[in-house]
Protein backbone atom coordinates (compact mmCIF):
# COMPACT_ATOMS: atom_id res chain seq x y z
CA MET A 1 0.00 0.00 0.00
CA LYS A 2 1.14 3.51 -0.66
CA ASP A 3 2.86 5.19 2.23
CA THR A 4 0.45 8.13 2.38
CA LEU A 5 -2.31 6.07 3.95
CA LYS A 6 -2.59 5.94 7.72
CA ILE A 7 -4.60 2.73 7.83
CA SER A 8 -3.15 -0.75 7.43
CA PHE A 9 -3.66 -2.88 4.33
CA ALA A 10 -5.80 -5.38 6.23
CA GLY A 11 -7.76 -2.62 7.94
CA LEU A 12 -8.63 -0.83 4.70
CA VAL A 13 -9.55 -4.07 2.93
CA LEU A 14 -11.84 -5.07 5.82
CA LEU A 15 -13.45 -1.63 5.82
CA LEU A 16 -14.03 -1.76 2.05
CA PHE A 17 -15.56 -5.22 2.27
CA MET A 18 -17.94 -4.01 4.96
CA ILE A 19 -18.90 -0.87 3.03
CA THR A 20 -19.49 -2.61 -0.30
CA SER A 21 -21.56 -5.37 1.29
CA ILE A 22 -24.45 -3.00 2.00
CA CYS A 23 -25.33 -2.27 -1.63
CA ARG A 24 -24.93 -5.96 -2.45
CA LEU A 25 -27.40 -6.88 0.29
CA ALA A 26 -29.95 -4.47 -1.16
CA THR A 27 -30.00 -6.38 -4.43
CA SER A 28 -31.47 -9.56 -3.07
CA ILE A 29 -32.14 -9.61 0.68
CA TYR A 30 -35.83 -8.97 0.05
CA LEU A 31 -36.25 -11.57 -2.73
CA PRO A 32 -37.77 -14.26 -0.47
CA ALA A 33 -40.39 -11.68 0.52
CA LEU A 34 -41.50 -10.82 -3.04
CA PRO A 35 -44.59 -13.07 -3.11
CA ILE A 36 -45.52 -11.89 0.40
CA ILE A 37 -45.00 -8.22 -0.51
CA GLY A 38 -47.27 -8.80 -3.51
CA ASP A 39 -50.04 -10.15 -1.27
CA SER A 40 -49.53 -7.43 1.35
CA LEU A 41 -49.54 -4.48 -1.06
CA HIS A 42 -51.79 -6.11 -3.71
CA LEU A 43 -49.12 -5.97 -6.43
CA GLU A 44 -48.82 -8.13 -9.54
CA GLU A 45 -45.70 -10.12 -10.42
CA SER A 46 -44.76 -7.65 -13.16
CA VAL A 47 -44.72 -4.78 -10.62
CA LEU A 48 -42.72 -6.87 -8.16
CA GLY A 49 -40.20 -7.56 -10.91
CA LEU A 50 -39.90 -3.82 -11.41
CA THR A 51 -38.46 -3.45 -7.91
CA LEU A 52 -35.36 -5.19 -9.24
CA THR A 53 -35.45 -3.51 -12.64
CA VAL A 54 -35.73 -0.01 -11.13
CA TYR A 55 -32.86 -0.74 -8.79
CA PHE A 56 -30.59 -2.07 -11.53
CA PHE A 57 -31.42 0.71 -14.00
CA GLY A 58 -31.09 3.42 -11.36
CA PHE A 59 -27.81 1.91 -10.24
CA SER A 60 -26.59 1.72 -13.83
CA PHE A 61 -27.48 5.30 -14.77
CA PHE A 62 -26.35 7.10 -11.64
CA THR A 63 -23.11 5.10 -11.58
CA LEU A 64 -22.10 7.17 -14.60
CA VAL A 65 -22.51 10.27 -12.42
CA ALA A 66 -20.87 8.87 -9.29
CA GLY A 67 -17.64 7.85 -11.04
CA PRO A 68 -16.75 11.27 -12.49
CA LEU A 69 -17.87 12.90 -9.23
CA SER A 70 -15.35 10.79 -7.33
CA ASP A 71 -12.62 11.83 -9.79
CA ALA A 72 -13.54 15.49 -9.19
CA TRP A 73 -14.54 15.62 -5.49
CA GLY A 74 -12.56 12.71 -4.07
CA ARG A 75 -13.57 9.18 -3.13
CA ARG A 76 -14.52 9.69 0.50
CA ARG A 77 -17.07 12.49 0.09
CA VAL A 78 -18.98 10.74 -2.70
CA LEU A 79 -19.10 7.46 -0.80
CA LEU A 80 -20.44 9.04 2.40
CA ILE A 81 -23.16 10.97 0.55
CA GLY A 82 -24.19 7.77 -1.21
CA ALA A 83 -24.44 5.83 2.04
CA ALA A 84 -26.73 8.51 3.51
CA VAL A 85 -29.04 8.47 0.47
CA PHE A 86 -29.15 4.68 0.58
CA MET A 87 -30.20 4.74 4.24
CA PHE A 88 -33.07 7.13 3.46
CA GLY A 89 -34.24 4.96 0.55
CA SER A 90 -34.27 1.90 2.80
CA LEU A 91 -36.53 3.71 5.27
CA VAL A 92 -38.91 4.65 2.44
CA CYS A 93 -39.15 0.98 1.41
CA ALA A 94 -39.67 -0.16 4.98
CA THR A 95 -42.70 2.14 5.41
CA ALA A 96 -44.15 1.82 1.88
CA GLN A 97 -47.92 1.40 1.65
CA GLY A 98 -48.10 0.83 -2.09
CA GLY A 99 -46.18 0.04 -5.23
CA THR A 100 -45.27 3.65 -6.04
CA ALA A 101 -43.60 4.26 -2.68
CA LEU A 102 -41.82 0.92 -2.84
CA LEU A 103 -40.41 1.69 -6.29
CA ALA A 104 -39.41 5.21 -5.19
CA GLY A 105 -37.54 3.77 -2.22
CA ARG A 106 -35.78 1.26 -4.45
CA LEU A 107 -34.69 4.07 -6.79
CA LEU A 108 -33.29 6.05 -3.85
CA GLN A 109 -31.46 2.94 -2.68
CA ALA A 110 -29.94 2.58 -6.15
CA ILE A 111 -28.87 6.25 -6.32
CA GLY A 112 -27.11 5.94 -2.97
CA ALA A 113 -25.72 2.46 -3.49
CA CYS A 114 -24.16 3.09 -6.91
CA SER A 115 -21.49 5.36 -5.42
CA ILE A 116 -20.19 2.65 -3.09
CA PRO A 117 -18.65 0.05 -5.45
CA VAL A 118 -17.54 2.75 -7.90
CA THR A 119 -15.57 4.71 -5.33
CA SER A 120 -14.34 1.55 -3.61
CA ARG A 121 -12.83 0.12 -6.81
CA ALA A 122 -11.27 3.49 -7.63
CA LEU A 123 -9.99 3.80 -4.08
CA VAL A 124 -8.30 0.41 -4.38
CA ARG A 125 -6.70 1.45 -7.66
CA ASP A 126 -5.48 4.66 -5.96
CA ALA A 127 -4.18 3.05 -2.80
CA PHE A 128 -2.62 -0.27 -3.74
CA GLU A 129 0.16 -1.56 -5.94
CA ASP A 130 -0.66 -3.77 -8.93
CA GLN A 131 -0.37 -7.16 -7.24
CA GLN A 132 -2.48 -5.96 -4.30
CA VAL A 133 -5.05 -4.59 -6.74
CA ILE A 134 -5.46 -8.05 -8.27
CA THR A 135 -6.01 -9.58 -4.83
CA VAL A 136 -8.33 -6.93 -3.40
CA ILE A 137 -10.43 -6.26 -6.50
CA GLY A 138 -10.67 -9.98 -7.07
CA TRP A 139 -12.20 -10.53 -3.65
CA MET A 140 -14.38 -7.44 -3.96
CA GLY A 141 -15.66 -8.65 -7.31
CA VAL A 142 -16.54 -12.05 -5.92
CA LEU A 143 -18.09 -10.38 -2.87
CA GLY A 144 -20.31 -8.53 -5.31
CA ALA A 145 -21.64 -11.85 -6.50
CA ILE A 146 -21.58 -13.81 -3.22
CA VAL A 147 -23.38 -11.32 -0.97
CA PRO A 148 -26.47 -11.05 -3.23
CA SER A 149 -26.50 -14.84 -3.31
CA ILE A 150 -26.25 -15.35 0.44
CA ALA A 151 -28.46 -12.38 1.38
CA PRO A 152 -31.74 -14.25 0.67
CA ILE A 153 -30.85 -16.67 3.47
CA LEU A 154 -30.92 -13.78 5.93
CA GLY A 155 -33.86 -12.14 4.19
CA GLY A 156 -35.86 -15.36 4.18
CA ALA A 157 -35.45 -15.79 7.94
CA ILE A 158 -36.35 -12.14 8.65
CA THR A 159 -39.41 -12.35 6.40
CA GLU A 160 -40.66 -15.63 7.80
CA TYR A 161 -40.18 -14.86 11.49
CA ILE A 162 -40.51 -11.06 11.76
CA GLY A 163 -41.97 -9.60 8.57
CA TRP A 164 -40.92 -8.31 5.16
CA ARG A 165 -40.65 -4.66 6.26
CA TYR A 166 -37.85 -5.56 8.65
CA THR A 167 -35.62 -6.59 5.76
CA PHE A 168 -35.53 -2.94 4.66
CA GLY A 169 -35.27 -1.82 8.27
CA PHE A 170 -32.21 -4.04 8.61
CA LEU A 171 -30.68 -2.34 5.57
CA ALA A 172 -31.36 1.11 7.02
CA PHE A 173 -29.76 0.21 10.36
CA THR A 174 -26.75 -1.44 8.71
CA SER A 175 -26.16 1.51 6.39
CA PHE A 176 -26.30 3.89 9.36
CA PHE A 177 -23.64 1.86 11.16
CA ILE A 178 -21.46 1.73 8.05
CA LEU A 179 -21.89 5.48 7.48
CA LEU A 180 -20.59 6.19 10.98
CA THR A 181 -17.67 3.77 10.61
CA ALA A 182 -16.65 5.09 7.18
CA SER A 183 -16.82 8.73 8.29
CA TRP A 184 -14.45 7.84 11.13
CA LYS A 185 -11.99 5.48 9.41
CA LEU A 186 -12.17 5.82 5.61
CA PRO A 187 -9.18 7.75 4.20
CA GLU A 188 -9.16 10.00 1.14
CA THR A 189 -6.90 8.45 -1.50
CA LEU A 190 -7.21 11.01 -4.30
CA PRO A 191 -5.22 14.21 -3.58
CA GLU A 192 -6.43 17.56 -4.91
CA GLU A 193 -3.72 17.81 -7.58
CA LYS A 194 -4.80 14.52 -9.20
CA ARG A 195 -8.49 15.34 -9.51
CA HIS A 196 -10.20 15.88 -12.87
CA PRO A 197 -12.56 18.73 -13.75
CA LEU A 198 -16.26 17.87 -13.65
CA THR A 199 -17.37 18.92 -17.14
CA LEU A 200 -19.74 17.12 -19.49
CA PRO A 201 -17.37 17.21 -22.51
CA HIS A 202 -14.61 15.66 -20.41
CA ILE A 203 -16.96 12.98 -19.05
CA PHE A 204 -18.37 12.07 -22.47
CA LYS A 205 -14.91 11.99 -24.01
CA SER A 206 -13.66 9.64 -21.30
CA PHE A 207 -16.59 7.24 -21.69
CA PHE A 208 -16.34 7.30 -25.49
CA THR A 209 -12.64 6.48 -25.33
CA MET A 210 -13.33 3.51 -23.05
CA LEU A 211 -16.27 2.21 -25.12
CA THR A 212 -14.12 2.24 -28.25
CA HIS A 213 -11.09 0.66 -26.60
CA ARG A 214 -10.77 -2.91 -27.83
CA GLY A 215 -9.04 -4.28 -24.76
CA PHE A 216 -11.51 -2.67 -22.34
CA LEU A 217 -14.47 -4.16 -24.22
CA PHE A 218 -12.99 -7.66 -24.42
CA ALA A 219 -12.36 -7.51 -20.67
CA ILE A 220 -15.93 -6.67 -19.70
CA ILE A 221 -18.35 -8.12 -22.29
CA PRO A 222 -18.29 -11.69 -20.89
CA VAL A 223 -18.78 -10.31 -17.37
CA ILE A 224 -21.70 -8.20 -18.61
CA PHE A 225 -23.50 -11.38 -19.70
CA CYS A 226 -22.68 -12.95 -16.32
CA PHE A 227 -24.43 -10.06 -14.58
CA ALA A 228 -27.33 -10.43 -17.02
CA ILE A 229 -27.83 -13.99 -15.75
CA GLN A 230 -27.57 -12.75 -12.17
CA GLY A 231 -30.40 -10.26 -12.73
CA LEU A 232 -32.46 -12.92 -14.50
CA TYR A 233 -31.90 -15.47 -11.72
CA PHE A 234 -32.80 -13.05 -8.94
CA THR A 235 -36.07 -12.19 -10.70
CA CYS A 236 -37.15 -15.73 -11.56
CA ALA A 237 -35.81 -17.76 -8.62
CA PRO A 238 -38.36 -16.64 -5.94
CA PHE A 239 -41.25 -17.67 -8.18
CA VAL A 240 -39.56 -20.91 -9.29
CA PHE A 241 -38.69 -22.08 -5.78
CA ILE A 242 -41.48 -20.55 -3.67
CA LYS A 243 -44.48 -20.60 -6.01
CA GLN A 244 -43.69 -23.54 -8.30
CA MET A 245 -41.79 -25.78 -5.87
CA GLN A 246 -43.56 -24.64 -2.67
CA LEU A 247 -40.45 -23.85 -0.62
CA THR A 248 -40.70 -21.54 2.38
CA PRO A 249 -38.85 -18.18 2.26
CA THR A 250 -36.14 -19.57 4.55
CA GLN A 251 -35.74 -22.70 2.44
CA PHE A 252 -35.49 -20.55 -0.67
CA GLY A 253 -32.77 -18.50 0.96
CA LEU A 254 -30.80 -21.66 1.67
CA THR A 255 -30.88 -22.63 -2.02
CA ASN A 256 -28.49 -19.75 -2.65
CA LEU A 257 -25.74 -21.63 -0.84
CA VAL A 258 -25.18 -23.44 -4.13
CA LEU A 259 -24.29 -20.15 -5.80
CA VAL A 260 -22.15 -19.08 -2.86
CA GLY A 261 -20.16 -22.29 -2.91
CA SER A 262 -19.61 -22.21 -6.66
CA LEU A 263 -18.59 -18.54 -6.62
CA MET A 264 -16.07 -19.21 -3.86
CA ALA A 265 -14.73 -22.16 -5.84
CA GLY A 266 -14.35 -19.87 -8.85
CA ARG A 267 -12.45 -17.33 -6.75
CA ILE A 268 -10.06 -20.06 -5.59
CA LEU A 269 -9.70 -21.35 -9.16
CA CYS A 270 -8.93 -17.89 -10.61
CA PRO A 271 -5.31 -17.44 -9.40
CA ILE A 272 -4.54 -21.07 -10.24
CA LEU A 273 -5.70 -20.58 -13.82
CA THR A 274 -4.00 -17.22 -14.31
CA LYS A 275 -0.69 -18.61 -13.04
CA ARG A 276 -0.77 -21.70 -15.24
CA LEU A 277 -2.42 -20.04 -18.23
CA SER A 278 -2.55 -16.51 -19.56
CA SER A 279 -5.53 -14.35 -18.60
CA GLN A 280 -6.75 -14.75 -22.17
CA ARG A 281 -6.71 -18.54 -21.95
CA ALA A 282 -8.27 -18.44 -18.48
CA TYR A 283 -11.13 -16.37 -19.88
CA ALA A 284 -11.59 -18.87 -22.72
CA PHE A 285 -11.62 -21.73 -20.19
CA CYS A 286 -14.36 -19.95 -18.23
CA GLY A 287 -16.32 -19.63 -21.46
CA GLY A 288 -16.23 -23.41 -21.78
CA ILE A 289 -17.61 -23.81 -18.24
CA ALA A 290 -20.38 -21.33 -19.09
CA LEU A 291 -21.31 -23.42 -22.14
CA ILE A 292 -21.79 -26.47 -19.91
CA ALA A 293 -24.01 -24.36 -17.64
CA GLY A 294 -26.01 -23.20 -20.65
CA VAL A 295 -26.66 -26.77 -21.76
CA GLY A 296 -27.84 -27.56 -18.23
CA PHE A 297 -30.23 -24.60 -18.22
CA PHE A 298 -31.60 -25.58 -21.63
CA THR A 299 -32.45 -29.10 -20.45
CA LEU A 300 -34.98 -27.56 -18.03
CA PHE A 301 -37.37 -27.26 -20.99
CA SER A 302 -37.66 -31.05 -21.21
CA ILE A 303 -38.29 -31.67 -17.50
CA ARG A 304 -41.85 -32.33 -16.36
CA THR A 305 -41.27 -32.91 -12.64
CA LEU A 306 -38.83 -30.31 -11.37
CA HIS A 307 -36.25 -31.23 -8.73
CA LEU A 308 -33.81 -28.95 -6.94
CA TRP A 309 -30.70 -30.63 -8.30
CA GLN A 310 -31.85 -29.96 -11.86
CA ILE A 311 -31.49 -26.23 -11.20
CA PHE A 312 -28.54 -26.50 -8.83
CA ILE A 313 -26.20 -28.14 -11.39
CA PRO A 314 -26.38 -25.45 -14.11
CA ALA A 315 -26.55 -22.67 -11.49
CA GLY A 316 -23.44 -24.06 -9.81
CA MET A 317 -21.54 -24.33 -13.09
CA PHE A 318 -22.49 -20.75 -13.93
CA GLY A 319 -21.34 -19.58 -10.49
CA LEU A 320 -17.98 -21.29 -10.99
CA SER A 321 -17.50 -19.49 -14.31
CA PHE A 322 -18.70 -16.17 -12.89
CA GLY A 323 -16.46 -16.33 -9.84
CA THR A 324 -13.41 -16.99 -12.00
CA MET A 325 -14.15 -14.29 -14.57
CA VAL A 326 -14.88 -11.34 -12.28
CA PRO A 327 -11.37 -10.77 -10.84
CA ILE A 328 -9.78 -10.91 -14.30
CA GLY A 329 -12.34 -8.66 -15.97
CA VAL A 330 -12.47 -5.97 -13.28
CA LYS A 331 -8.72 -5.68 -12.83
CA ASP A 332 -8.01 -5.53 -16.57
CA ALA A 333 -10.75 -3.02 -17.34
CA LEU A 334 -9.50 -0.60 -14.66
CA THR A 335 -5.84 -1.06 -15.51
CA TYR A 336 -6.36 0.06 -19.10
CA PHE A 337 -7.46 3.45 -17.69
CA LYS A 338 -5.57 3.60 -14.44
CA HIS A 339 -5.37 7.40 -14.49
CA GLN A 340 -9.21 7.60 -14.71
CA SER A 341 -10.12 4.72 -12.46
CA GLY A 342 -13.24 6.45 -11.14
CA ALA A 343 -14.73 6.90 -14.60
CA ALA A 344 -13.62 3.42 -15.70
CA SER A 345 -15.14 1.90 -12.58
CA ALA A 346 -18.34 3.84 -13.20
CA LEU A 347 -18.66 2.63 -16.77
CA TYR A 348 -17.92 -0.94 -15.75
CA GLY A 349 -20.54 -0.78 -13.00
CA SER A 350 -23.07 0.89 -15.28
CA LEU A 351 -22.75 -1.72 -18.02
CA THR A 352 -22.89 -4.71 -15.67
CA ARG A 353 -25.78 -3.40 -13.56
CA GLY A 354 -27.54 -2.22 -16.69
CA ALA A 355 -27.36 -5.76 -18.04
CA SER A 356 -28.86 -7.06 -14.79
CA GLY A 357 -31.67 -4.51 -15.12
CA VAL A 358 -32.43 -5.28 -18.75
CA PHE A 359 -32.61 -9.01 -18.21
CA SER A 360 -34.60 -8.74 -14.99
CA ALA A 361 -37.11 -6.66 -16.97
CA ILE A 362 -37.20 -9.24 -19.74
CA ALA A 363 -37.80 -11.94 -17.14
CA GLY A 364 -40.66 -9.93 -15.63
CA VAL A 365 -42.27 -9.50 -19.05
CA GLY A 366 -41.92 -13.21 -19.74
CA MET A 367 -43.60 -14.19 -16.47
CA SER A 368 -46.39 -11.64 -17.05
CA MET A 369 -47.13 -13.48 -20.33
CA ASP A 370 -47.95 -16.61 -18.29
CA ILE A 371 -44.72 -18.37 -19.25
CA GLU A 372 -43.63 -20.59 -16.39
CA PRO A 373 -40.81 -18.91 -14.43
CA VAL A 374 -38.54 -21.95 -14.84
CA HIS A 375 -38.90 -21.75 -18.63
CA VAL A 376 -38.14 -18.02 -18.59
CA LEU A 377 -35.01 -18.79 -16.59
CA ALA A 378 -34.03 -21.71 -18.82
CA GLY A 379 -34.40 -19.90 -22.14
CA ILE A 380 -32.68 -16.64 -21.30
CA ALA A 381 -29.92 -18.16 -19.15
CA SER A 382 -28.96 -20.66 -21.85
CA PHE A 383 -28.76 -17.81 -24.39
CA CYS A 384 -26.55 -15.69 -22.09
CA CYS A 385 -24.25 -18.65 -21.37
CA LEU A 386 -23.83 -19.15 -25.11
CA MET A 387 -22.93 -15.46 -25.48
CA ILE A 388 -20.35 -15.75 -22.68
CA THR A 389 -18.75 -18.64 -24.52
CA LEU A 390 -18.74 -16.87 -27.88
CA THR A 391 -17.30 -13.60 -26.53
CA THR A 392 -14.53 -15.30 -24.57
CA MET A 393 -13.64 -17.41 -27.60
CA ALA A 394 -13.67 -14.30 -29.80
CA ALA A 395 -11.17 -12.65 -27.46
CA PHE A 396 -8.98 -15.75 -27.63
CA MET A 397 -9.17 -16.06 -31.43
CA LYS A 398 -8.28 -12.39 -31.92
CA LYS A 399 -5.35 -12.86 -29.53
CA ASN A 400 -6.34 -9.76 -27.62
CA LYS A 401 -4.07 -9.39 -24.57
CA LEU A 402 -6.38 -9.07 -21.59
CA VAL A 403 -3.65 -8.19 -19.09
CA PRO A 404 -2.01 -4.99 -20.37
CA GLU A 405 1.65 -4.38 -19.64
CA SER A 406 0.92 -0.67 -19.45
CA SER A 407 -2.24 1.33 -19.26
CA ALA A 408 -3.46 2.19 -22.74
CA GLY A 409 -5.02 5.34 -21.49
CA GLU A 410 -1.78 6.76 -20.11
CA ASN A 411 -0.18 7.61 -23.44
């Protein structure tokens, strides 16, 4: 870690993990409660699906604002403001009496939450040397997938034994605690002389440069489709497991342990692959795992009596691929534009969360057309897995170097 910081490496990493966990919890802690919220507030499935879509789209759009703000104002200020907005949005959700208030609260949560991973990734790029960046961003990336997967376990228990409103109350309390801790301990890692002016031409130019950079795109496109499946799964899974398979909210939460385990396995596999293979070959290998997952999802169309293992196998294979890809994709995308890590982090977050929002919306439309939730999941997930395979293979065939020796944006 750079000498200017007054907090230890382990202390800052622990603090960042704690801070970033709050916005991850908001994605899925309330999923086991969706059918119950629908009954309580008299909302249809399509409206309930919008609670995810609004969150993902709000997160995606306002991420593009939060990144440049952190490059102009500093990481710490933007993160603290975001945590406060998130806390207020959680309180709005907890007291909602109808669909409009619930959606408004979810949008406020998204506006506040989007600043947290953006500034955290940029802060890591500011504070740590390259090898530490790989380690920390790798774990943060996997955390971003694991926490939403494990959160329904907690949310299911809260919903079943206390009530669905307490899931949002838990988020409000947790964000308040994190806000206090961050305001006390979180350092500022971007000095005044390294900040960029906050002007629209500068912002648009930066994003255009990144979107037309071949290496940046090859680093993130497979991960974008991974997040698309995540948004799809979060939307469909409560209705597959609770309504179709008659699991309780707590039992549904426990099904996410399959994703947690596979994501952790992917995180362990990642450094092994990147040491024995190049990052390019490791990405291609992950594409092969995703193809196996896609075949597993597609077989759900032919199943008449649905069993848990028939979903767990493809979901687990996908989680293994996802957990391996995230550290490579995040680190490479930010390294190409190391001198603009806030903007690069924002664009990365916007594209991945936007994909989750688009595919959660597609899933909601599919279920509103009376297509069985398991078939919605099977069809779209198998398509996305195929796209992951094709894009990773395309990167391999074009021999695009995913781990740059120097940042392309620094010339």
